Amino acid sequence: MDEDQQRWERFSAHLELGQRFTGTVVLVPRPGAIGVFVDLGLPFGGFVDVLRLPREVERWPQVGTVTTFEVVWFDDRQQIRLKPLDPAYCA
């Protein structure tokens, strides 16, 4: 097992579904197509899938938006999947 995987295993042992974090949107690579990447202030970032965001791209959080997210999924691929808790940014 490589060092990144070991670090992920130590970190993810403390993650829980439903856990909430305040994060900052850092990347919206293809508005309306993929989702948004979020800096949670942790060693690993988060991602909000397009299906958890509004259909209207204008309602998506923009780069720099700070809001609260909930962990909805994570696994050994070193991914933290999130959903926004602010109704303005929810599907």
C-alpha atoms as a PDB file:
ATOM      1  CA  MET A   1       0.000   0.000   0.000  1.00  0.00           C
ATOM      2  CA  ASP A   2       1.424   3.377  -0.969  1.00  0.00           C
ATOM      3  CA  GLU A   3       1.764   6.393   1.314  1.00  0.00           C
ATOM      4  CA  ASP A   4      -1.281   8.245  -0.112  1.00  0.00           C
ATOM      5  CA  GLN A   5      -3.491   5.213   0.459  1.00  0.00           C
ATOM      6  CA  GLN A   6      -2.236   4.846   4.030  1.00  0.00           C
ATOM      7  CA  ARG A   7      -2.907   8.529   4.691  1.00  0.00           C
ATOM      8  CA  TRP A   8      -6.419   8.150   3.222  1.00  0.00           C
ATOM      9  CA  GLU A   9      -7.157   5.127   5.413  1.00  0.00           C
ATOM     10  CA  ARG A  10      -6.099   6.985   8.564  1.00  0.00           C
ATOM     11  CA  PHE A  11      -8.122  10.032   7.556  1.00  0.00           C
ATOM     12  CA  SER A  12     -11.257   8.237   6.350  1.00  0.00           C
ATOM     13  CA  ALA A  13     -11.492   6.258   9.584  1.00  0.00           C
ATOM     14  CA  HIS A  14     -12.790   9.508  11.111  1.00  0.00           C
ATOM     15  CA  LEU A  15     -15.273  10.334   8.337  1.00  0.00           C
ATOM     16  CA  GLU A  16     -18.954   9.555   8.743  1.00  0.00           C
ATOM     17  CA  LEU A  17     -21.902   9.707   6.389  1.00  0.00           C
ATOM     18  CA  GLY A  18     -23.959  12.750   7.300  1.00  0.00           C
ATOM     19  CA  GLN A  19     -20.948  14.590   8.696  1.00  0.00           C
ATOM     20  CA  ARG A  20     -21.073  18.304   7.914  1.00  0.00           C
ATOM     21  CA  PHE A  21     -18.272  20.594   6.823  1.00  0.00           C
ATOM     22  CA  THR A  22     -18.012  24.194   5.777  1.00  0.00           C
ATOM     23  CA  GLY A  23     -16.149  24.347   2.501  1.00  0.00           C
ATOM     24  CA  THR A  24     -15.179  26.664  -0.314  1.00  0.00           C
ATOM     25  CA  VAL A  25     -15.955  25.932  -3.953  1.00  0.00           C
ATOM     26  CA  VAL A  26     -12.585  25.883  -5.728  1.00  0.00           C
ATOM     27  CA  LEU A  27     -13.401  24.613  -9.208  1.00  0.00           C
ATOM     28  CA  VAL A  28     -16.427  24.451 -11.512  1.00  0.00           C
ATOM     29  CA  PRO A  29     -14.812  22.716 -14.504  1.00  0.00           C
ATOM     30  CA  ARG A  30     -17.806  22.316 -16.829  1.00  0.00           C
ATOM     31  CA  PRO A  31     -20.860  24.152 -15.487  1.00  0.00           C
ATOM     32  CA  GLY A  32     -23.977  22.068 -15.975  1.00  0.00           C
ATOM     33  CA  ALA A  33     -22.060  18.898 -16.855  1.00  0.00           C
ATOM     34  CA  ILE A  34     -19.884  17.544 -14.041  1.00  0.00           C
ATOM     35  CA  GLY A  35     -20.244  19.201 -10.639  1.00  0.00           C
ATOM     36  CA  VAL A  36     -18.096  21.312  -8.339  1.00  0.00           C
ATOM     37  CA  PHE A  37     -14.929  20.668  -6.352  1.00  0.00           C
ATOM     38  CA  VAL A  38     -14.802  21.829  -2.749  1.00  0.00           C
ATOM     39  CA  ASP A  39     -11.907  22.620  -0.400  1.00  0.00           C
ATOM     40  CA  LEU A  40     -12.938  21.395   3.040  1.00  0.00           C
ATOM     41  CA  GLY A  41      -9.769  22.520   4.782  1.00  0.00           C
ATOM     42  CA  LEU A  42      -8.824  18.843   5.103  1.00  0.00           C
ATOM     43  CA  PRO A  43      -6.074  16.746   3.511  1.00  0.00           C
ATOM     44  CA  PHE A  44      -8.609  15.580   0.901  1.00  0.00           C
ATOM     45  CA  GLY A  45     -11.090  17.691  -1.042  1.00  0.00           C
ATOM     46  CA  GLY A  46     -14.729  17.048  -1.764  1.00  0.00           C
ATOM     47  CA  PHE A  47     -16.895  16.878  -4.842  1.00  0.00           C
ATOM     48  CA  VAL A  48     -20.581  17.667  -5.449  1.00  0.00           C
ATOM     49  CA  ASP A  49     -22.037  15.699  -8.352  1.00  0.00           C
ATOM     50  CA  VAL A  50     -24.095  17.505 -10.996  1.00  0.00           C
ATOM     51  CA  LEU A  51     -27.164  15.501  -9.929  1.00  0.00           C
ATOM     52  CA  ARG A  52     -27.072  17.157  -6.491  1.00  0.00           C
ATOM     53  CA  LEU A  53     -27.002  20.667  -7.956  1.00  0.00           C
ATOM     54  CA  PRO A  54     -29.817  22.717  -9.509  1.00  0.00           C
ATOM     55  CA  ARG A  55     -30.607  22.202 -13.186  1.00  0.00           C
ATOM     56  CA  GLU A  56     -30.191  25.944 -13.684  1.00  0.00           C
ATOM     57  CA  VAL A  57     -26.436  26.491 -13.826  1.00  0.00           C
ATOM     58  CA  GLU A  58     -26.969  30.092 -12.691  1.00  0.00           C
ATOM     59  CA  ARG A  59     -27.972  28.700  -9.269  1.00  0.00           C
ATOM     60  CA  TRP A  60     -24.779  26.663  -8.844  1.00  0.00           C
ATOM     61  CA  PRO A  61     -22.296  27.907  -6.240  1.00  0.00           C
ATOM     62  CA  GLN A  62     -19.461  29.778  -7.898  1.00  0.00           C
ATOM     63  CA  VAL A  63     -15.734  29.582  -7.215  1.00  0.00           C
ATOM     64  CA  GLY A  64     -15.156  31.234  -3.847  1.00  0.00           C
ATOM     65  CA  THR A  65     -18.602  30.382  -2.459  1.00  0.00           C
ATOM     66  CA  VAL A  66     -18.376  29.289   1.182  1.00  0.00           C
ATOM     67  CA  THR A  67     -21.239  27.118   2.380  1.00  0.00           C
ATOM     68  CA  THR A  68     -22.046  23.957   4.335  1.00  0.00           C
ATOM     69  CA  PHE A  69     -21.902  20.478   2.830  1.00  0.00           C
ATOM     70  CA  GLU A  70     -22.837  17.013   4.042  1.00  0.00           C
ATOM     71  CA  VAL A  71     -20.849  13.839   3.365  1.00  0.00           C
ATOM     72  CA  VAL A  72     -22.995  11.445   1.338  1.00  0.00           C
ATOM     73  CA  TRP A  73     -20.347   8.937   0.236  1.00  0.00           C
ATOM     74  CA  PHE A  74     -16.670   8.067   0.442  1.00  0.00           C
ATOM     75  CA  ASP A  75     -14.597   5.004  -0.328  1.00  0.00           C
ATOM     76  CA  ASP A  76     -11.059   3.772  -0.865  1.00  0.00           C
ATOM     77  CA  ARG A  77     -10.691   5.812  -4.074  1.00  0.00           C
ATOM     78  CA  GLN A  78      -9.872   8.824  -1.876  1.00  0.00           C
ATOM     79  CA  GLN A  79     -13.056  10.671  -2.774  1.00  0.00           C
ATOM     80  CA  ILE A  80     -15.417  12.571  -0.491  1.00  0.00           C
ATOM     81  CA  ARG A  81     -18.775  13.069  -2.177  1.00  0.00           C
ATOM     82  CA  LEU A  82     -20.905  15.860  -0.813  1.00  0.00           C
ATOM     83  CA  LYS A  83     -24.288  17.492  -1.092  1.00  0.00           C
ATOM     84  CA  PRO A  84     -24.870  21.186  -0.420  1.00  0.00           C
ATOM     85  CA  LEU A  85     -27.091  21.973   2.555  1.00  0.00           C
ATOM     86  CA  ASP A  86     -28.072  25.484   1.473  1.00  0.00           C
ATOM     87  CA  PRO A  87     -31.400  25.103  -0.377  1.00  0.00           C
ATOM     88  CA  ALA A  88     -30.218  27.711  -2.904  1.00  0.00           C
ATOM     89  CA  TYR A  89     -27.647  25.197  -4.187  1.00  0.00           C
ATOM     90  CA  CYS A  90     -29.686  21.968  -3.998  1.00  0.00           C
ATOM     91  CA  ALA A  91     -31.258  20.057  -6.866  1.00  0.00           C
END
